Amino acid sequence: MAYESKFQRDDIDELFDAILTLKDREDCYRFFEDICTVHEIHALAQRLQVAKLLSMKMTYGEIEEITTASTATISRINKCLSYGADGYKRVLERLK
């Protein structure tokens, strides 16, 4: 792996390896329903939606109205898009 994460540990590697074994949406629903709370799944989905809307150059107010995310959450995600590890950017590009 060329990217060196500051969070890298063996247990996190194993979690990501487990995620990489998921074959389809049903596998994802089954795994994430077991490993996450409903609130955590909703929060992750909301963050991805915020990143998508920010990449579409929508305003904080528009994003807040559409997603109900707080301006603090929107700001944090915007900071990730500008200065982060490019995770959101890579995923959003692949989803196009």
PDB file of N, CA and C in Angstrom:
ATOM      1  N   MET A   1       0.845  -1.177   0.000  1.00  0.00           N
ATOM      2  CA  MET A   1       0.000   0.000   0.000  1.00  0.00           C
ATOM      3  C   MET A   1       0.889   1.239   0.000  1.00  0.00           C
ATOM      4  N   ALA A   2       0.692   2.099  -0.972  1.00  0.00           N
ATOM      5  CA  ALA A   2       1.513   3.305  -1.091  1.00  0.00           C
ATOM      6  C   ALA A   2       1.121   4.362  -0.059  1.00  0.00           C
ATOM      7  N   TYR A   3      -0.156   4.401   0.302  1.00  0.00           N
ATOM      8  CA  TYR A   3      -0.634   5.395   1.247  1.00  0.00           C
ATOM      9  C   TYR A   3      -0.375   4.929   2.667  1.00  0.00           C
ATOM     10  N   GLU A   4       0.205   5.785   3.466  1.00  0.00           N
ATOM     11  CA  GLU A   4       0.495   5.475   4.872  1.00  0.00           C
ATOM     12  C   GLU A   4      -0.505   6.211   5.760  1.00  0.00           C
ATOM     13  N   SER A   5      -1.474   5.496   6.297  1.00  0.00           N
ATOM     14  CA  SER A   5      -2.473   6.103   7.159  1.00  0.00           C
ATOM     15  C   SER A   5      -1.943   6.248   8.575  1.00  0.00           C
ATOM     16  N   LYS A   6      -2.308   7.341   9.221  1.00  0.00           N
ATOM     17  CA  LYS A   6      -1.918   7.530  10.619  1.00  0.00           C
ATOM     18  C   LYS A   6      -2.745   6.646  11.542  1.00  0.00           C
ATOM     19  N   PHE A   7      -3.808   6.038  11.016  1.00  0.00           N
ATOM     20  CA  PHE A   7      -4.676   5.168  11.816  1.00  0.00           C
ATOM     21  C   PHE A   7      -4.364   3.686  11.639  1.00  0.00           C
ATOM     22  N   GLN A   8      -3.423   3.351  10.787  1.00  0.00           N
ATOM     23  CA  GLN A   8      -3.182   1.959  10.435  1.00  0.00           C
ATOM     24  C   GLN A   8      -2.773   1.118  11.644  1.00  0.00           C
ATOM     25  N   ARG A   9      -3.515   0.024  11.837  1.00  0.00           N
ATOM     26  CA  ARG A   9      -3.236  -0.976  12.871  1.00  0.00           C
ATOM     27  C   ARG A   9      -3.719  -2.313  12.328  1.00  0.00           C
ATOM     28  N   ASP A  10      -3.281  -3.382  12.945  1.00  0.00           N
ATOM     29  CA  ASP A  10      -3.659  -4.719  12.490  1.00  0.00           C
ATOM     30  C   ASP A  10      -5.164  -4.951  12.534  1.00  0.00           C
ATOM     31  N   ASP A  11      -5.830  -4.504  13.604  1.00  0.00           N
ATOM     32  CA  ASP A  11      -7.272  -4.748  13.694  1.00  0.00           C
ATOM     33  C   ASP A  11      -8.050  -3.948  12.657  1.00  0.00           C
ATOM     34  N   ILE A  12      -7.578  -2.749  12.329  1.00  0.00           N
ATOM     35  CA  ILE A  12      -8.228  -1.957  11.294  1.00  0.00           C
ATOM     36  C   ILE A  12      -7.968  -2.575   9.922  1.00  0.00           C
ATOM     37  N   ASP A  13      -6.757  -3.070   9.707  1.00  0.00           N
ATOM     38  CA  ASP A  13      -6.462  -3.797   8.464  1.00  0.00           C
ATOM     39  C   ASP A  13      -7.428  -4.965   8.294  1.00  0.00           C
ATOM     40  N   GLU A  14      -7.668  -5.693   9.374  1.00  0.00           N
ATOM     41  CA  GLU A  14      -8.571  -6.846   9.302  1.00  0.00           C
ATOM     42  C   GLU A  14     -10.012  -6.403   9.004  1.00  0.00           C
ATOM     43  N   LEU A  15     -10.438  -5.293   9.604  1.00  0.00           N
ATOM     44  CA  LEU A  15     -11.765  -4.755   9.303  1.00  0.00           C
ATOM     45  C   LEU A  15     -11.878  -4.408   7.827  1.00  0.00           C
ATOM     46  N   PHE A  16     -10.901  -3.699   7.289  1.00  0.00           N
ATOM     47  CA  PHE A  16     -10.945  -3.314   5.880  1.00  0.00           C
ATOM     48  C   PHE A  16     -10.856  -4.530   4.966  1.00  0.00           C
ATOM     49  N   ASP A  17     -10.055  -5.516   5.355  1.00  0.00           N
ATOM     50  CA  ASP A  17     -10.010  -6.759   4.578  1.00  0.00           C
ATOM     51  C   ASP A  17     -11.382  -7.425   4.561  1.00  0.00           C
ATOM     52  N   ALA A  18     -12.078  -7.392   5.698  1.00  0.00           N
ATOM     53  CA  ALA A  18     -13.432  -7.960   5.769  1.00  0.00           C
ATOM     54  C   ALA A  18     -14.371  -7.203   4.835  1.00  0.00           C
ATOM     55  N   ILE A  19     -14.300  -5.876   4.842  1.00  0.00           N
ATOM     56  CA  ILE A  19     -15.149  -5.073   3.963  1.00  0.00           C
ATOM     57  C   ILE A  19     -14.858  -5.387   2.499  1.00  0.00           C
ATOM     58  N   LEU A  20     -13.598  -5.586   2.187  1.00  0.00           N
ATOM     59  CA  LEU A  20     -13.222  -5.893   0.805  1.00  0.00           C
ATOM     60  C   LEU A  20     -13.733  -7.257   0.335  1.00  0.00           C
ATOM     61  N   THR A  21     -14.165  -8.117   1.252  1.00  0.00           N
ATOM     62  CA  THR A  21     -14.724  -9.418   0.848  1.00  0.00           C
ATOM     63  C   THR A  21     -16.192  -9.312   0.462  1.00  0.00           C
ATOM     64  N   LEU A  22     -16.839  -8.205   0.774  1.00  0.00           N
ATOM     65  CA  LEU A  22     -18.265  -8.052   0.478  1.00  0.00           C
ATOM     66  C   LEU A  22     -18.466  -8.034  -1.036  1.00  0.00           C
ATOM     67  N   LYS A  23     -19.411  -8.856  -1.502  1.00  0.00           N
ATOM     68  CA  LYS A  23     -19.562  -9.057  -2.939  1.00  0.00           C
ATOM     69  C   LYS A  23     -20.670  -8.237  -3.574  1.00  0.00           C
ATOM     70  N   ASP A  24     -21.684  -7.872  -2.801  1.00  0.00           N
ATOM     71  CA  ASP A  24     -22.812  -7.149  -3.386  1.00  0.00           C
ATOM     72  C   ASP A  24     -23.505  -6.335  -2.301  1.00  0.00           C
ATOM     73  N   ARG A  25     -24.547  -5.611  -2.702  1.00  0.00           N
ATOM     74  CA  ARG A  25     -25.269  -4.742  -1.775  1.00  0.00           C
ATOM     75  C   ARG A  25     -25.879  -5.547  -0.628  1.00  0.00           C
ATOM     76  N   GLU A  26     -26.391  -6.744  -0.920  1.00  0.00           N
ATOM     77  CA  GLU A  26     -26.963  -7.567   0.154  1.00  0.00           C
ATOM     78  C   GLU A  26     -25.906  -7.909   1.199  1.00  0.00           C
ATOM     79  N   ASP A  27     -24.709  -8.306   0.757  1.00  0.00           N
ATOM     80  CA  ASP A  27     -23.613  -8.557   1.697  1.00  0.00           C
ATOM     81  C   ASP A  27     -23.352  -7.324   2.550  1.00  0.00           C
ATOM     82  N   CYS A  28     -23.359  -6.145   1.921  1.00  0.00           N
ATOM     83  CA  CYS A  28     -23.104  -4.894   2.649  1.00  0.00           C
ATOM     84  C   CYS A  28     -24.175  -4.644   3.700  1.00  0.00           C
ATOM     85  N   TYR A  29     -25.439  -4.779   3.309  1.00  0.00           N
ATOM     86  CA  TYR A  29     -26.519  -4.581   4.285  1.00  0.00           C
ATOM     87  C   TYR A  29     -26.371  -5.546   5.453  1.00  0.00           C
ATOM     88  N   ARG A  30     -26.133  -6.807   5.153  1.00  0.00           N
ATOM     89  CA  ARG A  30     -26.033  -7.803   6.223  1.00  0.00           C
ATOM     90  C   ARG A  30     -24.869  -7.504   7.165  1.00  0.00           C
ATOM     91  N   PHE A  31     -23.706  -7.198   6.592  1.00  0.00           N
ATOM     92  CA  PHE A  31     -22.525  -6.940   7.417  1.00  0.00           C
ATOM     93  C   PHE A  31     -22.669  -5.655   8.225  1.00  0.00           C
ATOM     94  N   PHE A  32     -23.068  -4.573   7.556  1.00  0.00           N
ATOM     95  CA  PHE A  32     -23.150  -3.296   8.254  1.00  0.00           C
ATOM     96  C   PHE A  32     -24.280  -3.265   9.277  1.00  0.00           C
ATOM     97  N   GLU A  33     -25.370  -3.985   9.032  1.00  0.00           N
ATOM     98  CA  GLU A  33     -26.423  -4.072  10.044  1.00  0.00           C
ATOM     99  C   GLU A  33     -25.928  -4.790  11.293  1.00  0.00           C
ATOM    100  N   ASP A  34     -25.009  -5.722  11.130  1.00  0.00           N
ATOM    101  CA  ASP A  34     -24.443  -6.439  12.279  1.00  0.00           C
ATOM    102  C   ASP A  34     -23.355  -5.638  12.985  1.00  0.00           C
ATOM    103  N   ILE A  35     -22.541  -4.923  12.231  1.00  0.00           N
ATOM    104  CA  ILE A  35     -21.372  -4.275  12.828  1.00  0.00           C
ATOM    105  C   ILE A  35     -21.637  -2.845  13.293  1.00  0.00           C
ATOM    106  N   CYS A  36     -22.663  -2.211  12.744  1.00  0.00           N
ATOM    107  CA  CYS A  36     -22.964  -0.820  13.079  1.00  0.00           C
ATOM    108  C   CYS A  36     -24.368  -0.689  13.666  1.00  0.00           C
ATOM    109  N   THR A  37     -24.571   0.387  14.400  1.00  0.00           N
ATOM    110  CA  THR A  37     -25.929   0.729  14.807  1.00  0.00           C
ATOM    111  C   THR A  37     -26.622   1.402  13.621  1.00  0.00           C
ATOM    112  N   VAL A  38     -27.931   1.484  13.689  1.00  0.00           N
ATOM    113  CA  VAL A  38     -28.683   2.172  12.639  1.00  0.00           C
ATOM    114  C   VAL A  38     -28.210   3.620  12.541  1.00  0.00           C
ATOM    115  N   HIS A  39     -27.989   4.250  13.683  1.00  0.00           N
ATOM    116  CA  HIS A  39     -27.523   5.638  13.695  1.00  0.00           C
ATOM    117  C   HIS A  39     -26.170   5.769  12.991  1.00  0.00           C
ATOM    118  N   GLU A  40     -25.257   4.837  13.228  1.00  0.00           N
ATOM    119  CA  GLU A  40     -23.936   4.895  12.591  1.00  0.00           C
ATOM    120  C   GLU A  40     -24.041   4.743  11.075  1.00  0.00           C
ATOM    121  N   ILE A  41     -24.900   3.842  10.611  1.00  0.00           N
ATOM    122  CA  ILE A  41     -25.095   3.662   9.169  1.00  0.00           C
ATOM    123  C   ILE A  41     -25.665   4.939   8.562  1.00  0.00           C
ATOM    124  N   HIS A  42     -26.656   5.523   9.227  1.00  0.00           N
ATOM    125  CA  HIS A  42     -27.252   6.768   8.726  1.00  0.00           C
ATOM    126  C   HIS A  42     -26.199   7.885   8.701  1.00  0.00           C
ATOM    127  N   ALA A  43     -25.367   7.966   9.721  1.00  0.00           N
ATOM    128  CA  ALA A  43     -24.340   9.006   9.786  1.00  0.00           C
ATOM    129  C   ALA A  43     -23.328   8.847   8.649  1.00  0.00           C
ATOM    130  N   LEU A  44     -22.916   7.621   8.379  1.00  0.00           N
ATOM    131  CA  LEU A  44     -21.979   7.377   7.284  1.00  0.00           C
ATOM    132  C   LEU A  44     -22.600   7.750   5.944  1.00  0.00           C
ATOM    133  N   ALA A  45     -23.849   7.358   5.737  1.00  0.00           N
ATOM    134  CA  ALA A  45     -24.539   7.683   4.488  1.00  0.00           C
ATOM    135  C   ALA A  45     -24.696   9.193   4.340  1.00  0.00           C
ATOM    136  N   GLN A  46     -25.018   9.863   5.445  1.00  0.00           N
ATOM    137  CA  GLN A  46     -25.181  11.317   5.412  1.00  0.00           C
ATOM    138  C   GLN A  46     -23.864  11.995   5.039  1.00  0.00           C
ATOM    139  N   ARG A  47     -22.772  11.539   5.608  1.00  0.00           N
ATOM    140  CA  ARG A  47     -21.466  12.138   5.307  1.00  0.00           C
ATOM    141  C   ARG A  47     -21.119  12.002   3.829  1.00  0.00           C
ATOM    142  N   LEU A  48     -21.408  10.837   3.266  1.00  0.00           N
ATOM    143  CA  LEU A  48     -21.140  10.650   1.843  1.00  0.00           C
ATOM    144  C   LEU A  48     -22.014  11.582   1.005  1.00  0.00           C
ATOM    145  N   GLN A  49     -23.278  11.743   1.385  1.00  0.00           N
ATOM    146  CA  GLN A  49     -24.166  12.657   0.663  1.00  0.00           C
ATOM    147  C   GLN A  49     -23.664  14.093   0.762  1.00  0.00           C
ATOM    148  N   VAL A  50     -23.212  14.487   1.941  1.00  0.00           N
ATOM    149  CA  VAL A  50     -22.662  15.837   2.114  1.00  0.00           C
ATOM    150  C   VAL A  50     -21.450  16.026   1.206  1.00  0.00           C
ATOM    151  N   ALA A  51     -20.554  15.056   1.180  1.00  0.00           N
ATOM    152  CA  ALA A  51     -19.371  15.158   0.317  1.00  0.00           C
ATOM    153  C   ALA A  51     -19.783  15.271  -1.145  1.00  0.00           C
ATOM    154  N   LYS A  52     -20.770  14.499  -1.552  1.00  0.00           N
ATOM    155  CA  LYS A  52     -21.259  14.549  -2.930  1.00  0.00           C
ATOM    156  C   LYS A  52     -21.814  15.935  -3.255  1.00  0.00           C
ATOM    157  N   LEU A  53     -22.622  16.475  -2.362  1.00  0.00           N
ATOM    158  CA  LEU A  53     -23.222  17.794  -2.599  1.00  0.00           C
ATOM    159  C   LEU A  53     -22.174  18.904  -2.573  1.00  0.00           C
ATOM    160  N   LEU A  54     -21.193  18.790  -1.680  1.00  0.00           N
ATOM    161  CA  LEU A  54     -20.099  19.773  -1.670  1.00  0.00           C
ATOM    162  C   LEU A  54     -19.321  19.723  -2.982  1.00  0.00           C
ATOM    163  N   SER A  55     -19.100  18.525  -3.489  1.00  0.00           N
ATOM    164  CA  SER A  55     -18.365  18.400  -4.755  1.00  0.00           C
ATOM    165  C   SER A  55     -19.169  18.962  -5.924  1.00  0.00           C
ATOM    166  N   MET A  56     -20.496  19.081  -5.735  1.00  0.00           N
ATOM    167  CA  MET A  56     -21.366  19.691  -6.745  1.00  0.00           C
ATOM    168  C   MET A  56     -21.472  21.203  -6.534  1.00  0.00           C
ATOM    169  N   LYS A  57     -20.665  21.730  -5.605  1.00  0.00           N
ATOM    170  CA  LYS A  57     -20.581  23.169  -5.316  1.00  0.00           C
ATOM    171  C   LYS A  57     -21.858  23.744  -4.708  1.00  0.00           C
ATOM    172  N   MET A  58     -22.610  22.924  -3.987  1.00  0.00           N
ATOM    173  CA  MET A  58     -23.799  23.424  -3.302  1.00  0.00           C
ATOM    174  C   MET A  58     -23.362  24.186  -2.055  1.00  0.00           C
ATOM    175  N   THR A  59     -24.201  25.102  -1.594  1.00  0.00           N
ATOM    176  CA  THR A  59     -23.883  25.894  -0.408  1.00  0.00           C
ATOM    177  C   THR A  59     -24.173  25.095   0.852  1.00  0.00           C
ATOM    178  N   TYR A  60     -23.586  25.546   1.956  1.00  0.00           N
ATOM    179  CA  TYR A  60     -23.840  24.901   3.238  1.00  0.00           C
ATOM    180  C   TYR A  60     -25.336  24.887   3.553  1.00  0.00           C
ATOM    181  N   GLY A  61     -26.007  25.995   3.295  1.00  0.00           N
ATOM    182  CA  GLY A  61     -27.436  26.089   3.574  1.00  0.00           C
ATOM    183  C   GLY A  61     -28.247  25.080   2.773  1.00  0.00           C
ATOM    184  N   GLU A  62     -27.923  24.937   1.497  1.00  0.00           N
ATOM    185  CA  GLU A  62     -28.609  23.958   0.652  1.00  0.00           C
ATOM    186  C   GLU A  62     -28.361  22.542   1.150  1.00  0.00           C
ATOM    187  N   ILE A  63     -27.109  22.263   1.505  1.00  0.00           N
ATOM    188  CA  ILE A  63     -26.742  20.926   1.974  1.00  0.00           C
ATOM    189  C   ILE A  63     -27.419  20.618   3.303  1.00  0.00           C
ATOM    190  N   GLU A  64     -27.438  21.601   4.190  1.00  0.00           N
ATOM    191  CA  GLU A  64     -28.088  21.429   5.490  1.00  0.00           C
ATOM    192  C   GLU A  64     -29.576  21.117   5.303  1.00  0.00           C
ATOM    193  N   GLU A  65     -30.209  21.810   4.373  1.00  0.00           N
ATOM    194  CA  GLU A  65     -31.638  21.592   4.113  1.00  0.00           C
ATOM    195  C   GLU A  65     -31.895  20.197   3.529  1.00  0.00           C
ATOM    196  N   ILE A  66     -31.055  19.769   2.612  1.00  0.00           N
ATOM    197  CA  ILE A  66     -31.248  18.478   1.949  1.00  0.00           C
ATOM    198  C   ILE A  66     -30.925  17.312   2.868  1.00  0.00           C
ATOM    199  N   THR A  67     -29.821  17.418   3.627  1.00  0.00           N
ATOM    200  CA  THR A  67     -29.317  16.267   4.395  1.00  0.00           C
ATOM    201  C   THR A  67     -29.625  16.322   5.884  1.00  0.00           C
ATOM    202  N   THR A  68     -29.995  17.472   6.383  1.00  0.00           N
ATOM    203  CA  THR A  68     -30.159  17.768   7.815  1.00  0.00           C
ATOM    204  C   THR A  68     -28.841  17.675   8.590  1.00  0.00           C
ATOM    205  N   ALA A  69     -27.733  17.633   7.883  1.00  0.00           N
ATOM    206  CA  ALA A  69     -26.428  17.632   8.551  1.00  0.00           C
ATOM    207  C   ALA A  69     -26.177  18.999   9.159  1.00  0.00           C
ATOM    208  N   SER A  70     -25.483  19.034  10.285  1.00  0.00           N
ATOM    209  CA  SER A  70     -25.137  20.305  10.921  1.00  0.00           C
ATOM    210  C   SER A  70     -24.060  21.008  10.105  1.00  0.00           C
ATOM    211  N   THR A  71     -23.967  22.315  10.292  1.00  0.00           N
ATOM    212  CA  THR A  71     -22.914  23.052   9.590  1.00  0.00           C
ATOM    213  C   THR A  71     -21.533  22.596  10.066  1.00  0.00           C
ATOM    214  N   ALA A  72     -21.436  22.139  11.305  1.00  0.00           N
ATOM    215  CA  ALA A  72     -20.149  21.610  11.798  1.00  0.00           C
ATOM    216  C   ALA A  72     -19.754  20.353  11.023  1.00  0.00           C
ATOM    217  N   THR A  73     -20.721  19.466  10.784  1.00  0.00           N
ATOM    218  CA  THR A  73     -20.453  18.253  10.007  1.00  0.00           C
ATOM    219  C   THR A  73     -20.083  18.615   8.575  1.00  0.00           C
ATOM    220  N   ILE A  74     -20.828  19.524   7.988  1.00  0.00           N
ATOM    221  CA  ILE A  74     -20.552  19.945   6.608  1.00  0.00           C
ATOM    222  C   ILE A  74     -19.159  20.549   6.517  1.00  0.00           C
ATOM    223  N   SER A  75     -18.808  21.387   7.484  1.00  0.00           N
ATOM    224  CA  SER A  75     -17.487  22.012   7.513  1.00  0.00           C
ATOM    225  C   SER A  75     -16.374  20.973   7.642  1.00  0.00           C
ATOM    226  N   ARG A  76     -16.571  19.998   8.513  1.00  0.00           N
ATOM    227  CA  ARG A  76     -15.572  18.947   8.711  1.00  0.00           C
ATOM    228  C   ARG A  76     -15.357  18.156   7.415  1.00  0.00           C
ATOM    229  N   ILE A  77     -16.450  17.850   6.723  1.00  0.00           N
ATOM    230  CA  ILE A  77     -16.339  17.101   5.474  1.00  0.00           C
ATOM    231  C   ILE A  77     -15.699  17.958   4.390  1.00  0.00           C
ATOM    232  N   ASN A  78     -16.025  19.238   4.376  1.00  0.00           N
ATOM    233  CA  ASN A  78     -15.399  20.151   3.417  1.00  0.00           C
ATOM    234  C   ASN A  78     -13.891  20.213   3.644  1.00  0.00           C
ATOM    235  N   LYS A  79     -13.499  20.211   4.911  1.00  0.00           N
ATOM    236  CA  LYS A  79     -12.067  20.213   5.239  1.00  0.00           C
ATOM    237  C   LYS A  79     -11.409  18.929   4.730  1.00  0.00           C
ATOM    238  N   CYS A  80     -12.102  17.791   4.873  1.00  0.00           N
ATOM    239  CA  CYS A  80     -11.573  16.525   4.355  1.00  0.00           C
ATOM    240  C   CYS A  80     -11.425  16.574   2.833  1.00  0.00           C
ATOM    241  N   LEU A  81     -12.399  17.156   2.167  1.00  0.00           N
ATOM    242  CA  LEU A  81     -12.316  17.267   0.710  1.00  0.00           C
ATOM    243  C   LEU A  81     -11.150  18.147   0.281  1.00  0.00           C
ATOM    244  N   SER A  82     -10.848  19.175   1.072  1.00  0.00           N
ATOM    245  CA  SER A  82      -9.771  20.095   0.724  1.00  0.00           C
ATOM    246  C   SER A  82      -8.397  19.619   1.172  1.00  0.00           C
ATOM    247  N   TYR A  83      -8.332  19.027   2.369  1.00  0.00           N
ATOM    248  CA  TYR A  83      -7.026  18.721   2.953  1.00  0.00           C
ATOM    249  C   TYR A  83      -6.862  17.277   3.414  1.00  0.00           C
ATOM    250  N   GLY A  84      -7.847  16.438   3.129  1.00  0.00           N
ATOM    251  CA  GLY A  84      -7.828  15.071   3.644  1.00  0.00           C
ATOM    252  C   GLY A  84      -7.018  14.104   2.795  1.00  0.00           C
ATOM    253  N   ALA A  85      -7.335  12.840   2.945  1.00  0.00           N
ATOM    254  CA  ALA A  85      -6.600  11.760   2.289  1.00  0.00           C
ATOM    255  C   ALA A  85      -7.159  11.418   0.910  1.00  0.00           C
ATOM    256  N   ASP A  86      -8.077  12.215   0.405  1.00  0.00           N
ATOM    257  CA  ASP A  86      -8.718  12.020  -0.903  1.00  0.00           C
ATOM    258  C   ASP A  86      -9.637  10.802  -0.948  1.00  0.00           C
ATOM    259  N   GLY A  87     -10.031  10.286   0.209  1.00  0.00           N
ATOM    260  CA  GLY A  87     -10.934   9.143   0.251  1.00  0.00           C
ATOM    261  C   GLY A  87     -12.287   9.452  -0.360  1.00  0.00           C
ATOM    262  N   TYR A  88     -12.879  10.566   0.052  1.00  0.00           N
ATOM    263  CA  TYR A  88     -14.167  10.955  -0.527  1.00  0.00           C
ATOM    264  C   TYR A  88     -14.036  11.148  -2.032  1.00  0.00           C
ATOM    265  N   LYS A  89     -13.019  11.869  -2.451  1.00  0.00           N
ATOM    266  CA  LYS A  89     -12.846  12.161  -3.877  1.00  0.00           C
ATOM    267  C   LYS A  89     -12.723  10.886  -4.704  1.00  0.00           C
ATOM    268  N   ARG A  90     -11.963   9.936  -4.209  1.00  0.00           N
ATOM    269  CA  ARG A  90     -11.767   8.683  -4.935  1.00  0.00           C
ATOM    270  C   ARG A  90     -13.069   7.917  -5.064  1.00  0.00           C
ATOM    271  N   VAL A  91     -13.819   7.838  -3.971  1.00  0.00           N
ATOM    272  CA  VAL A  91     -15.089   7.098  -3.986  1.00  0.00           C
ATOM    273  C   VAL A  91     -16.106   7.802  -4.875  1.00  0.00           C
ATOM    274  N   LEU A  92     -16.230   9.113  -4.733  1.00  0.00           N
ATOM    275  CA  LEU A  92     -17.212   9.846  -5.536  1.00  0.00           C
ATOM    276  C   LEU A  92     -16.893   9.723  -7.033  1.00  0.00           C
ATOM    277  N   GLU A  93     -15.640   9.744  -7.374  1.00  0.00           N
ATOM    278  CA  GLU A  93     -15.253   9.586  -8.791  1.00  0.00           C
ATOM    279  C   GLU A  93     -15.650   8.188  -9.291  1.00  0.00           C
ATOM    280  N   ARG A  94     -15.452   7.175  -8.477  1.00  0.00           N
ATOM    281  CA  ARG A  94     -15.802   5.808  -8.872  1.00  0.00           C
ATOM    282  C   ARG A  94     -17.299   5.591  -8.951  1.00  0.00           C
ATOM    283  N   LEU A  95     -18.073   6.363  -8.203  1.00  0.00           N
ATOM    284  CA  LEU A  95     -19.533   6.232  -8.230  1.00  0.00           C
ATOM    285  C   LEU A  95     -20.162   6.911  -9.437  1.00  0.00           C
ATOM    286  N   LYS A  96     -19.412   7.762 -10.109  1.00  0.00           N
ATOM    287  CA  LYS A  96     -19.948   8.470 -11.299  1.00  0.00           C
ATOM    288  C   LYS A  96     -20.245   7.506 -12.425  1.00  0.00           C
TER     289      LYS A  96
END
